[in-house]
Each structure stands twice: as C-alpha cells, then as structure tokens.
C-alpha atoms as a PDB file:
ATOM      1  CA  GLN A   1       0.000   0.000   0.000  1.00  0.00           C
ATOM      2  CA  LEU A   2       1.150   3.492  -0.851  1.00  0.00           C
ATOM      3  CA  VAL A   3       2.463   5.491   2.072  1.00  0.00           C
ATOM      4  CA  VAL A   4       3.756   9.008   2.333  1.00  0.00           C
ATOM      5  CA  LYS A   5       5.666  10.507   5.217  1.00  0.00           C
ATOM      6  CA  SER A   6       3.544  11.913   7.996  1.00  0.00           C
ATOM      7  CA  HIS A   7       4.827  13.716  11.040  1.00  0.00           C
ATOM      8  CA  LEU A   8       2.699  12.807  14.004  1.00  0.00           C
ATOM      9  CA  GLY A   9       3.574  10.746  17.033  1.00  0.00           C
ATOM     10  CA  SER A  10       4.728  10.758  20.623  1.00  0.00           C
ATOM     11  CA  GLY A  11       7.988  10.185  22.450  1.00  0.00           C
ATOM     12  CA  PRO A  12      11.213  12.161  22.536  1.00  0.00           C
ATOM     13  CA  GLY A  13      10.639  13.628  19.101  1.00  0.00           C
ATOM     14  CA  GLY A  14       6.943  14.292  19.675  1.00  0.00           C
ATOM     15  CA  LYS A  15       5.366  15.430  16.444  1.00  0.00           C
ATOM     16  CA  TRP A  16       8.637  14.673  14.654  1.00  0.00           C
ATOM     17  CA  ASP A  17       7.995  10.940  14.793  1.00  0.00           C
ATOM     18  CA  ILE A  18       7.321   9.559  11.324  1.00  0.00           C
ATOM     19  CA  ARG A  19       4.603   7.027  10.616  1.00  0.00           C
ATOM     20  CA  PRO A  20       3.002   5.641   7.447  1.00  0.00           C
ATOM     21  CA  TRP A  21       0.034   7.530   6.047  1.00  0.00           C
ATOM     22  CA  SER A  22      -2.099   5.984   3.320  1.00  0.00           C
ATOM     23  CA  LEU A  23      -3.514   7.777   0.292  1.00  0.00           C
ATOM     24  CA  ALA A  24      -6.938   7.007   1.761  1.00  0.00           C
ATOM     25  CA  ASP A  25      -6.179   9.486   4.553  1.00  0.00           C
ATOM     26  CA  LEU A  26      -5.380  12.216   2.033  1.00  0.00           C
ATOM     27  CA  LYS A  27      -8.575  11.470   0.115  1.00  0.00           C
ATOM     28  CA  LYS A  28     -10.630  11.670   3.288  1.00  0.00           C
ATOM     29  CA  THR A  29      -9.080  14.945   4.415  1.00  0.00           C
ATOM     30  CA  MET A  30      -9.261  16.750   1.083  1.00  0.00           C
ATOM     31  CA  THR A  31     -12.780  15.507   0.326  1.00  0.00           C
ATOM     32  CA  LYS A  32     -13.995  16.652   3.736  1.00  0.00           C
ATOM     33  CA  TRP A  33     -12.762  20.198   3.043  1.00  0.00           C
ATOM     34  CA  GLN A  34     -14.192  20.216  -0.487  1.00  0.00           C
ATOM     35  CA  LYS A  35     -17.643  18.957   0.487  1.00  0.00           C
ATOM     36  CA  GLU A  36     -18.157  20.697   3.837  1.00  0.00           C
ATOM     37  CA  LEU A  37     -17.330  24.125   2.406  1.00  0.00           C
ATOM     38  CA  GLU A  38     -19.415  23.515  -0.717  1.00  0.00           C
ATOM     39  CA  GLY A  39     -21.834  26.415  -1.094  1.00  0.00           C
ATOM     40  CA  LYS A  40     -20.762  27.826   2.288  1.00  0.00           C
ATOM     41  CA  GLY A  41     -17.180  29.008   2.008  1.00  0.00           C
ATOM     42  CA  TRP A  42     -14.043  28.947  -0.079  1.00  0.00           C
ATOM     43  CA  ASN A  43     -10.982  26.721   0.266  1.00  0.00           C
ATOM     44  CA  SER A  44      -7.373  27.824   0.428  1.00  0.00           C
ATOM     45  CA  LEU A  45      -5.502  25.186  -1.576  1.00  0.00           C
ATOM     46  CA  TYR A  46      -1.874  24.562  -0.655  1.00  0.00           C
ATOM     47  CA  LEU A  47       0.621  21.767  -0.051  1.00  0.00           C
ATOM     48  CA  ASN A  48       3.633  23.942   0.801  1.00  0.00           C
ATOM     49  CA  ASN A  49       4.331  26.776   3.207  1.00  0.00           C
ATOM     50  CA  HIS A  50       7.225  28.070   5.317  1.00  0.00           C
ATOM     51  CA  ASP A  51       6.462  25.589   8.114  1.00  0.00           C
ATOM     52  CA  GLN A  52       6.205  22.422   6.005  1.00  0.00           C
ATOM     53  CA  PRO A  53       8.647  20.210   4.091  1.00  0.00           C
ATOM     54  CA  ARG A  54       8.631  20.479   0.315  1.00  0.00           C
ATOM     55  CA  ALA A  55       5.596  18.787  -1.224  1.00  0.00           C
ATOM     56  CA  VAL A  56       7.503  16.952  -3.969  1.00  0.00           C
ATOM     57  CA  SER A  57       9.691  15.357  -1.277  1.00  0.00           C
ATOM     58  CA  ARG A  58       6.799  14.638   1.076  1.00  0.00           C
ATOM     59  CA  PHE A  59       4.135  13.357  -1.305  1.00  0.00           C
ATOM     60  CA  GLY A  60       6.013  12.746  -4.562  1.00  0.00           C
ATOM     61  CA  ASP A  61       9.353  11.393  -5.758  1.00  0.00           C
ATOM     62  CA  ASP A  62      12.097  14.009  -5.577  1.00  0.00           C
ATOM     63  CA  GLY A  63      14.563  11.753  -7.411  1.00  0.00           C
ATOM     64  CA  LYS A  64      13.873   9.894 -10.658  1.00  0.00           C
ATOM     65  CA  TYR A  65      10.343  11.240 -11.067  1.00  0.00           C
ATOM     66  CA  ARG A  66      10.780  14.701  -9.572  1.00  0.00           C
ATOM     67  CA  VAL A  67       9.396  16.546 -12.606  1.00  0.00           C
ATOM     68  CA  GLU A  68       6.510  14.122 -13.189  1.00  0.00           C
ATOM     69  CA  SER A  69       5.437  14.002  -9.542  1.00  0.00           C
ATOM     70  CA  ALA A  70       5.747  17.778  -9.097  1.00  0.00           C
ATOM     71  CA  LYS A  71       3.428  18.237 -12.078  1.00  0.00           C
ATOM     72  CA  MET A  72       1.055  15.584 -10.760  1.00  0.00           C
ATOM     73  CA  LEU A  73       0.782  17.310  -7.374  1.00  0.00           C
ATOM     74  CA  ALA A  74       0.156  20.637  -9.072  1.00  0.00           C
ATOM     75  CA  THR A  75      -2.633  19.090 -11.160  1.00  0.00           C
ATOM     76  CA  PHE A  76      -4.180  17.389  -8.136  1.00  0.00           C
ATOM     77  CA  LEU A  77      -4.409  20.682  -6.249  1.00  0.00           C
ATOM     78  CA  HIS A  78      -5.188  23.202  -8.988  1.00  0.00           C
ATOM     79  CA  MET A  79      -8.225  21.313 -10.274  1.00  0.00           C
ATOM     80  CA  MET A  80      -9.974  21.513  -6.881  1.00  0.00           C
ATOM     81  CA  GLN A  81     -12.422  24.205  -5.826  1.00  0.00           C
ATOM     82  CA  GLY A  82     -10.716  27.052  -4.010  1.00  0.00           C
ATOM     83  CA  THR A  83      -7.800  29.409  -4.459  1.00  0.00           C
ATOM     84  CA  PRO A  84      -4.459  27.675  -5.118  1.00  0.00           C
ATOM     85  CA  TYR A  85      -1.352  29.050  -3.436  1.00  0.00           C
ATOM     86  CA  ILE A  86       2.100  28.487  -4.947  1.00  0.00           C
ATOM     87  CA  TYR A  87       4.919  28.663  -2.421  1.00  0.00           C
ATOM     88  CA  GLN A  88       8.328  29.960  -3.525  1.00  0.00           C
ATOM     89  CA  GLY A  89      10.212  27.228  -5.356  1.00  0.00           C
ATOM     90  CA  GLU A  90       7.209  24.948  -5.706  1.00  0.00           C
ATOM     91  CA  GLU A  91       6.803  26.162  -9.290  1.00  0.00           C
ATOM     92  CA  ILE A  92      10.246  24.802 -10.229  1.00  0.00           C
ATOM     93  CA  GLY A  93      10.018  21.610  -8.162  1.00  0.00           C
ATOM     94  CA  MET A  94      12.439  22.559  -5.374  1.00  0.00           C
ATOM     95  CA  THR A  95      13.120  19.674  -2.979  1.00  0.00           C
ATOM     96  CA  ASN A  96      13.951  19.054   0.661  1.00  0.00           C
ATOM     97  CA  VAL A  97      17.577  19.581   1.629  1.00  0.00           C
ATOM     98  CA  ARG A  98      19.874  17.100   3.381  1.00  0.00           C
ATOM     99  CA  PHE A  99      22.524  19.158   5.155  1.00  0.00           C
ATOM    100  CA  PRO A 100      25.309  16.947   6.570  1.00  0.00           C
ATOM    101  CA  SER A 101      24.924  18.039  10.194  1.00  0.00           C
ATOM    102  CA  ILE A 102      22.771  20.046  12.582  1.00  0.00           C
ATOM    103  CA  GLU A 103      25.225  22.977  12.384  1.00  0.00           C
ATOM    104  CA  TYR A 104      23.772  23.966   9.025  1.00  0.00           C
ATOM    105  CA  TYR A 105      20.225  24.398  10.358  1.00  0.00           C
ATOM    106  CA  ARG A 106      18.717  27.636  11.696  1.00  0.00           C
ATOM    107  CA  ASP A 107      15.121  26.853  12.684  1.00  0.00           C
ATOM    108  CA  ILE A 108      14.819  27.062  16.470  1.00  0.00           C
ATOM    109  CA  GLU A 109      12.230  24.259  16.620  1.00  0.00           C
ATOM    110  CA  THR A 110      14.615  21.962  14.734  1.00  0.00           C
ATOM    111  CA  LEU A 111      17.580  22.875  16.929  1.00  0.00           C
ATOM    112  CA  ASN A 112      15.602  22.354  20.151  1.00  0.00           C
ATOM    113  CA  MET A 113      14.268  18.985  18.966  1.00  0.00           C
ATOM    114  CA  TYR A 114      17.756  17.779  18.045  1.00  0.00           C
ATOM    115  CA  LYS A 115      19.151  18.836  21.419  1.00  0.00           C
ATOM    116  CA  GLU A 116      16.298  17.163  23.296  1.00  0.00           C
ATOM    117  CA  CYS A 117      16.486  13.895  21.368  1.00  0.00           C
ATOM    118  CA  VAL A 118      20.267  13.555  21.286  1.00  0.00           C
ATOM    119  CA  GLU A 119      21.429  15.138  24.521  1.00  0.00           C
ATOM    120  CA  GLU A 120      18.504  14.371  26.830  1.00  0.00           C
ATOM    121  CA  TYR A 121      17.192  11.084  25.446  1.00  0.00           C
ATOM    122  CA  GLY A 122      20.373   9.688  23.899  1.00  0.00           C
ATOM    123  CA  GLU A 123      18.948   9.037  20.443  1.00  0.00           C
ATOM    124  CA  ASP A 124      21.244   8.219  17.540  1.00  0.00           C
ATOM    125  CA  PRO A 125      22.147  11.600  15.955  1.00  0.00           C
ATOM    126  CA  GLN A 126      21.848  10.208  12.418  1.00  0.00           C
ATOM    127  CA  LYS A 127      18.343   8.891  13.094  1.00  0.00           C
ATOM    128  CA  VAL A 128      17.372  12.303  14.398  1.00  0.00           C
ATOM    129  CA  MET A 129      18.810  13.891  11.258  1.00  0.00           C
ATOM    130  CA  GLU A 130      16.630  11.596   9.149  1.00  0.00           C
ATOM    131  CA  LYS A 131      13.578  13.065  10.900  1.00  0.00           C
ATOM    132  CA  ILE A 132      14.831  16.552  10.115  1.00  0.00           C
ATOM    133  CA  TYR A 133      15.338  15.621   6.463  1.00  0.00           C
ATOM    134  CA  TYR A 134      11.647  14.702   6.252  1.00  0.00           C
ATOM    135  CA  LYS A 135      10.073  17.216   8.592  1.00  0.00           C
ATOM    136  CA  GLY A 136      12.363  20.199   9.168  1.00  0.00           C
ATOM    137  CA  ARG A 137      10.935  23.646   8.487  1.00  0.00           C
ATOM    138  CA  ASP A 138      14.247  24.748   6.981  1.00  0.00           C
ATOM    139  CA  ASN A 139      13.416  22.535   3.990  1.00  0.00           C
ATOM    140  CA  ALA A 140      11.111  25.339   2.844  1.00  0.00           C
ATOM    141  CA  ARG A 141      13.426  28.148   3.934  1.00  0.00           C
ATOM    142  CA  THR A 142      16.555  27.600   1.854  1.00  0.00           C
ATOM    143  CA  PRO A 143      17.206  30.467  -0.602  1.00  0.00           C
ATOM    144  CA  MET A 144      15.295  30.616  -3.860  1.00  0.00           C
ATOM    145  CA  GLN A 145      17.262  28.927  -6.624  1.00  0.00           C
ATOM    146  CA  TRP A 146      17.471  31.484  -9.429  1.00  0.00           C
ATOM    147  CA  ASP A 147      20.364  30.135 -11.507  1.00  0.00           C
ATOM    148  CA  ASP A 148      23.505  27.994 -11.363  1.00  0.00           C
ATOM    149  CA  SER A 149      25.847  30.750 -10.166  1.00  0.00           C
ATOM    150  CA  GLU A 150      27.216  31.033  -6.618  1.00  0.00           C
ATOM    151  CA  ASN A 151      24.480  30.912  -3.960  1.00  0.00           C
ATOM    152  CA  ALA A 152      22.031  30.095  -6.775  1.00  0.00           C
ATOM    153  CA  GLY A 153      22.035  33.774  -7.741  1.00  0.00           C
ATOM    154  CA  PHE A 154      20.216  34.632  -4.518  1.00  0.00           C
ATOM    155  CA  THR A 155      22.919  36.919  -3.091  1.00  0.00           C
ATOM    156  CA  THR A 156      26.508  37.995  -3.620  1.00  0.00           C
ATOM    157  CA  GLY A 157      26.936  37.899   0.137  1.00  0.00           C
ATOM    158  CA  THR A 158      26.506  35.058   2.612  1.00  0.00           C
ATOM    159  CA  PRO A 159      22.929  33.777   2.955  1.00  0.00           C
ATOM    160  CA  TRP A 160      21.530  33.121   6.444  1.00  0.00           C
ATOM    161  CA  ILE A 161      21.290  29.427   5.558  1.00  0.00           C
ATOM    162  CA  PRO A 162      23.105  27.505   2.800  1.00  0.00           C
ATOM    163  CA  VAL A 163      21.529  26.928  -0.586  1.00  0.00           C
ATOM    164  CA  ASN A 164      20.304  23.430  -1.438  1.00  0.00           C
ATOM    165  CA  PRO A 165      23.270  21.800  -3.270  1.00  0.00           C
ATOM    166  CA  ASN A 166      20.998  20.728  -6.158  1.00  0.00           C
ATOM    167  CA  TYR A 167      20.593  24.354  -7.305  1.00  0.00           C
ATOM    168  CA  LYS A 168      22.828  23.780 -10.337  1.00  0.00           C
ATOM    169  CA  GLU A 169      20.197  21.433 -11.805  1.00  0.00           C
ATOM    170  CA  ILE A 170      17.045  22.893 -10.253  1.00  0.00           C
ATOM    171  CA  ASN A 171      16.752  26.638 -10.788  1.00  0.00           C
ATOM    172  CA  VAL A 172      14.603  29.274 -12.437  1.00  0.00           C
ATOM    173  CA  LYS A 173      16.957  29.867 -15.365  1.00  0.00           C
ATOM    174  CA  GLU A 174      16.811  26.190 -16.355  1.00  0.00           C
ATOM    175  CA  ALA A 175      13.039  26.094 -15.856  1.00  0.00           C
ATOM    176  CA  LEU A 176      12.406  29.097 -18.091  1.00  0.00           C
ATOM    177  CA  ALA A 177      14.536  27.620 -20.872  1.00  0.00           C
ATOM    178  CA  ASP A 178      12.809  24.220 -20.840  1.00  0.00           C
ATOM    179  CA  PRO A 179       9.286  24.234 -22.372  1.00  0.00           C
ATOM    180  CA  ASN A 180       8.518  20.966 -20.545  1.00  0.00           C
ATOM    181  CA  SER A 181       9.569  22.249 -17.119  1.00  0.00           C
ATOM    182  CA  VAL A 182       7.485  22.274 -13.962  1.00  0.00           C
ATOM    183  CA  PHE A 183       7.305  26.069 -14.247  1.00  0.00           C
ATOM    184  CA  HIS A 184       5.683  26.069 -17.684  1.00  0.00           C
ATOM    185  CA  TYR A 185       3.284  23.364 -16.520  1.00  0.00           C
ATOM    186  CA  TYR A 186       2.138  25.647 -13.688  1.00  0.00           C
ATOM    187  CA  LYS A 187       1.529  28.402 -16.229  1.00  0.00           C
ATOM    188  CA  LYS A 188      -0.751  26.054 -18.166  1.00  0.00           C
ATOM    189  CA  LEU A 189      -2.694  25.181 -15.014  1.00  0.00           C
ATOM    190  CA  ILE A 190      -3.216  28.844 -14.172  1.00  0.00           C
ATOM    191  CA  GLN A 191      -4.321  29.558 -17.728  1.00  0.00           C
ATOM    192  CA  LEU A 192      -6.845  26.700 -17.604  1.00  0.00           C
ATOM    193  CA  ARG A 193      -8.420  28.091 -14.431  1.00  0.00           C
ATOM    194  CA  LYS A 194      -8.978  31.378 -16.251  1.00  0.00           C
ATOM    195  CA  GLN A 195     -10.423  29.688 -19.336  1.00  0.00           C
ATOM    196  CA  HIS A 196     -12.797  27.136 -17.794  1.00  0.00           C
ATOM    197  CA  ASP A 197     -15.455  28.158 -15.283  1.00  0.00           C
ATOM    198  CA  ILE A 198     -15.926  24.524 -14.295  1.00  0.00           C
ATOM    199  CA  ILE A 199     -12.493  24.491 -12.612  1.00  0.00           C
ATOM    200  CA  VAL A 200     -13.535  27.411 -10.428  1.00  0.00           C
ATOM    201  CA  TYR A 201     -17.217  26.702  -9.810  1.00  0.00           C
ATOM    202  CA  GLY A 202     -17.744  22.986 -10.484  1.00  0.00           C
ATOM    203  CA  THR A 203     -18.964  20.646  -7.749  1.00  0.00           C
ATOM    204  CA  TYR A 204     -16.328  18.233  -6.428  1.00  0.00           C
ATOM    205  CA  ASP A 205     -16.983  14.500  -6.031  1.00  0.00           C
ATOM    206  CA  LEU A 206     -14.471  11.767  -5.185  1.00  0.00           C
ATOM    207  CA  ILE A 207     -14.407   8.625  -7.332  1.00  0.00           C
ATOM    208  CA  LEU A 208     -12.429   5.373  -6.934  1.00  0.00           C
ATOM    209  CA  GLU A 209     -12.445   5.996  -3.200  1.00  0.00           C
ATOM    210  CA  ASP A 210     -10.762   2.695  -2.297  1.00  0.00           C
ATOM    211  CA  ASP A 211      -7.986   2.706  -4.909  1.00  0.00           C
ATOM    212  CA  PRO A 212      -4.650   2.655  -3.019  1.00  0.00           C
ATOM    213  CA  TYR A 213      -2.678   4.472  -5.738  1.00  0.00           C
ATOM    214  CA  ILE A 214      -5.066   6.635  -7.767  1.00  0.00           C
ATOM    215  CA  TYR A 215      -6.656   9.837  -6.480  1.00  0.00           C
ATOM    216  CA  ALA A 216      -9.430  10.650  -8.955  1.00  0.00           C
ATOM    217  CA  TYR A 217     -12.294  13.078  -8.688  1.00  0.00           C
ATOM    218  CA  THR A 218     -14.828  14.927 -10.805  1.00  0.00           C
ATOM    219  CA  ARG A 219     -15.951  18.541 -11.034  1.00  0.00           C
ATOM    220  CA  THR A 220     -19.434  19.120 -12.418  1.00  0.00           C
ATOM    221  CA  LEU A 221     -21.035  22.303 -13.761  1.00  0.00           C
ATOM    222  CA  GLY A 222     -24.194  22.136 -15.836  1.00  0.00           C
ATOM    223  CA  ASN A 223     -23.747  19.639 -18.667  1.00  0.00           C
ATOM    224  CA  GLU A 224     -19.962  19.461 -18.295  1.00  0.00           C
ATOM    225  CA  LYS A 225     -17.752  17.377 -16.064  1.00  0.00           C
ATOM    226  CA  LEU A 226     -14.031  17.274 -15.382  1.00  0.00           C
ATOM    227  CA  ILE A 227     -12.362  13.933 -14.787  1.00  0.00           C
ATOM    228  CA  VAL A 228      -9.163  14.503 -12.764  1.00  0.00           C
ATOM    229  CA  ILE A 229      -6.869  11.458 -12.617  1.00  0.00           C
ATOM    230  CA  THR A 230      -3.670  11.409 -10.561  1.00  0.00           C
ATOM    231  CA  ASN A 231      -1.365   8.485  -9.797  1.00  0.00           C
ATOM    232  CA  PHE A 232       0.335   8.929  -6.408  1.00  0.00           C
ATOM    233  CA  SER A 233       2.941   6.244  -7.020  1.00  0.00           C
ATOM    234  CA  GLU A 234       5.736   4.939  -9.227  1.00  0.00           C
ATOM    235  CA  LYS A 235       3.499   1.959 -10.063  1.00  0.00           C
ATOM    236  CA  THR A 236       1.324   1.613 -13.185  1.00  0.00           C
ATOM    237  CA  PRO A 237      -2.243   1.105 -11.914  1.00  0.00           C
ATOM    238  CA  VAL A 238      -5.252   0.946 -14.213  1.00  0.00           C
ATOM    239  CA  PHE A 239      -7.812   3.737 -14.047  1.00  0.00           C
ATOM    240  CA  ARG A 240     -11.336   2.569 -14.815  1.00  0.00           C
ATOM    241  CA  LEU A 241     -14.071   5.127 -15.359  1.00  0.00           C
ATOM    242  CA  PRO A 242     -17.087   4.387 -13.142  1.00  0.00           C
ATOM    243  CA  ASP A 243     -20.014   2.910 -15.092  1.00  0.00           C
ATOM    244  CA  ASP A 244     -22.350   5.711 -14.036  1.00  0.00           C
ATOM    245  CA  ILE A 245     -20.258   8.325 -15.871  1.00  0.00           C
ATOM    246  CA  THR A 246     -21.136   8.450 -19.572  1.00  0.00           C
ATOM    247  CA  TYR A 247     -20.373  11.157 -22.087  1.00  0.00           C
ATOM    248  CA  LYS A 248     -20.838  12.354 -25.652  1.00  0.00           C
ATOM    249  CA  THR A 249     -17.492  14.076 -26.155  1.00  0.00           C
ATOM    250  CA  LYS A 250     -14.187  14.338 -24.315  1.00  0.00           C
ATOM    251  CA  GLU A 251     -11.285  16.781 -24.399  1.00  0.00           C
ATOM    252  CA  LEU A 252      -7.879  16.345 -22.787  1.00  0.00           C
ATOM    253  CA  LEU A 253      -7.119  19.637 -21.035  1.00  0.00           C
ATOM    254  CA  ILE A 254      -3.687  18.815 -19.603  1.00  0.00           C
ATOM    255  CA  SER A 255      -1.382  15.904 -18.839  1.00  0.00           C
ATOM    256  CA  ASN A 256       2.161  15.481 -17.566  1.00  0.00           C
ATOM    257  CA  TYR A 257       3.002  12.820 -20.170  1.00  0.00           C
ATOM    258  CA  ASP A 258       2.416  12.727 -23.913  1.00  0.00           C
ATOM    259  CA  VAL A 259      -1.029  11.240 -24.464  1.00  0.00           C
ATOM    260  CA  ASP A 260      -2.845   9.923 -27.520  1.00  0.00           C
ATOM    261  CA  GLU A 261      -6.000  12.017 -27.377  1.00  0.00           C
ATOM    262  CA  THR A 262      -7.981   9.289 -29.147  1.00  0.00           C
ATOM    263  CA  GLU A 263      -7.262   6.854 -26.304  1.00  0.00           C
ATOM    264  CA  GLU A 264     -10.383   5.468 -24.680  1.00  0.00           C
ATOM    265  CA  LEU A 265     -11.164   7.106 -21.341  1.00  0.00           C
ATOM    266  CA  LYS A 266     -12.928   4.099 -19.867  1.00  0.00           C
ATOM    267  CA  GLU A 267      -9.694   2.237 -19.059  1.00  0.00           C
ATOM    268  CA  ILE A 268      -6.215   3.781 -18.837  1.00  0.00           C
ATOM    269  CA  ARG A 269      -2.939   2.202 -17.754  1.00  0.00           C
ATOM    270  CA  LEU A 270      -1.293   5.060 -15.878  1.00  0.00           C
ATOM    271  CA  ARG A 271       2.429   5.719 -15.910  1.00  0.00           C
ATOM    272  CA  PRO A 272       4.432   6.571 -12.759  1.00  0.00           C
ATOM    273  CA  TRP A 273       3.092   9.756 -11.147  1.00  0.00           C
ATOM    274  CA  GLU A 274       0.880  10.410 -14.166  1.00  0.00           C
ATOM    275  CA  ALA A 275      -1.801  13.113 -14.177  1.00  0.00           C
ATOM    276  CA  ARG A 276      -4.540  13.764 -16.705  1.00  0.00           C
ATOM    277  CA  VAL A 277      -7.538  16.084 -16.795  1.00  0.00           C
ATOM    278  CA  TYR A 278     -10.380  15.494 -19.229  1.00  0.00           C
ATOM    279  CA  LYS A 279     -13.427  17.682 -19.818  1.00  0.00           C
ATOM    280  CA  ILE A 280     -16.424  15.715 -20.978  1.00  0.00           C
ATOM    281  CA  ARG A 281     -19.863  16.694 -22.159  1.00  0.00           C
ATOM    282  CA  LEU A 282     -22.464  14.530 -20.496  1.00  0.00           C
ATOM    283  CA  SER A 283     -24.743  12.302 -22.586  1.00  0.00           C
END
C-alpha cells in the first residue's frame, strides 16, 4: 500500500515521529474540506508553506520522477475548488535539503528537537537527522534557486542558511529555458483556471475511493464534467471510469506525459506519477 511521510507521534521527538500515512487518509481529508465548504465558504488550496517540508519530497518522488510528480501534485491541487497558493520554489520543483549536520540548520524548533532527542534522550544523531530531512521547516526556507551561479544567484553575500546543493540542476533559469519544465506546466494550469469556469465553480466528487494508488475526482457544472486522474505512485495502476459516468465528447485539457488524445477514457494504464484532466460533455 502506498504510504507518504507523515509527522505525528509521541515520544522524545513528539510530532517529529514519522509514521506511514495511506492515500486514503489524504482522500478523506481533502474531500472533507471540499464537500463541507461547498456552497458555504471557499478553500485555500496549498501543499507547501514556510512551516512544512517540500511537497515533492513529502508526497512525490524528488529523485527519478521529480518533474513528473511535481506536475502531478500541481494538477491534483489546482483542479480543486478554491484558491491555489504556490509557495516559492514549488513552481520549479524545489526539494527538501539534506545538510550533513545540525550545524547547518537555523530553525529554532529543529535545533531544540535535536538537542532534546540527542542530549537528553540519547537518540542516535543520524536517526534524528533523518527526521529533520523529512520534517524540518528549513526545507522550505533555503534560498530561492534562481540560476547555477554562486548561492544560486540569490545573493553575492553570505545567505543566512546555505543553498540546497541541487541548485545547479534545479533553478529558475533552467526552468524558463525548458518548455517541458514544472514552471511552464504551472503556467498552463493557471491559464486553464482562467479559461474554464468549471475548474472554479464545479462541484467536487471523489471517485475510486478505495484505490490505493489513484486519487481521482470529478468537477461538475451544468452539462460538463471534469475527470481529474492522478497516480500517487511509481506503479502503473489501471484507471477505470465508473459505469455511471457516460459522455458524448471528451477533451484532454492537460497531462504530464504525452497522451494519444484518441485513447479510450474508460480504461487507462497510468504511468508513474501520471496526471490527466479530461473535460467531458455529459450524454
């Protein structure tokens, strides 16, 4: 079963303890917010902020499938009802950082936790560092990676915290030059929200609730429906359209892989971390 890293628990590390968290939990949480605010309020949609680890490292694959999973997460969030927030670096797929020792960290919560676990409870320092690599707030606070020059082009001086060493590969300059980058994918998502009222106003409904790898949902407005399909894994599960959803026409709005637009929607073998959004006209 798919698991992502959660950060709840008890013991010396308290909330820093890491336990498995199934995709079913994410479905339940997001669906609760979508449905309970329906017609009553408006969601703030975000996966990243200054107090959280980087989303592509927490929920995606920040290695082999960094680009694909960053695009998938963006699709998953931007097709929901509410206002999406993009945190600095999210739009280029910035990742968590793995500094070699606690001396490189600045966040007071991180420093206090390390001191408590290592000095007071005698935990293995490397095991404590692994928690910081997953959970630490400094993951979201390293300087913005503008280009491949010194300090990622952030400053000619000395930054308050070191730059993530992967800045030579992951930076704004590279993203702007690559038409298939995470950045340009975000631009497409934003453009779609402006072009299609259904993305803003459509009613959300979860489908394939029990699938352990696929998070799929619909948005419905009048005689149109969006089918949002996201694969939260490196596996290749099969998406099957529920029998009660029929349509006259379909249009692929966006995908993070090349897709044959004539492919039948009723059954799709998804690729690792694949995302697709179809707009259909109901029959």
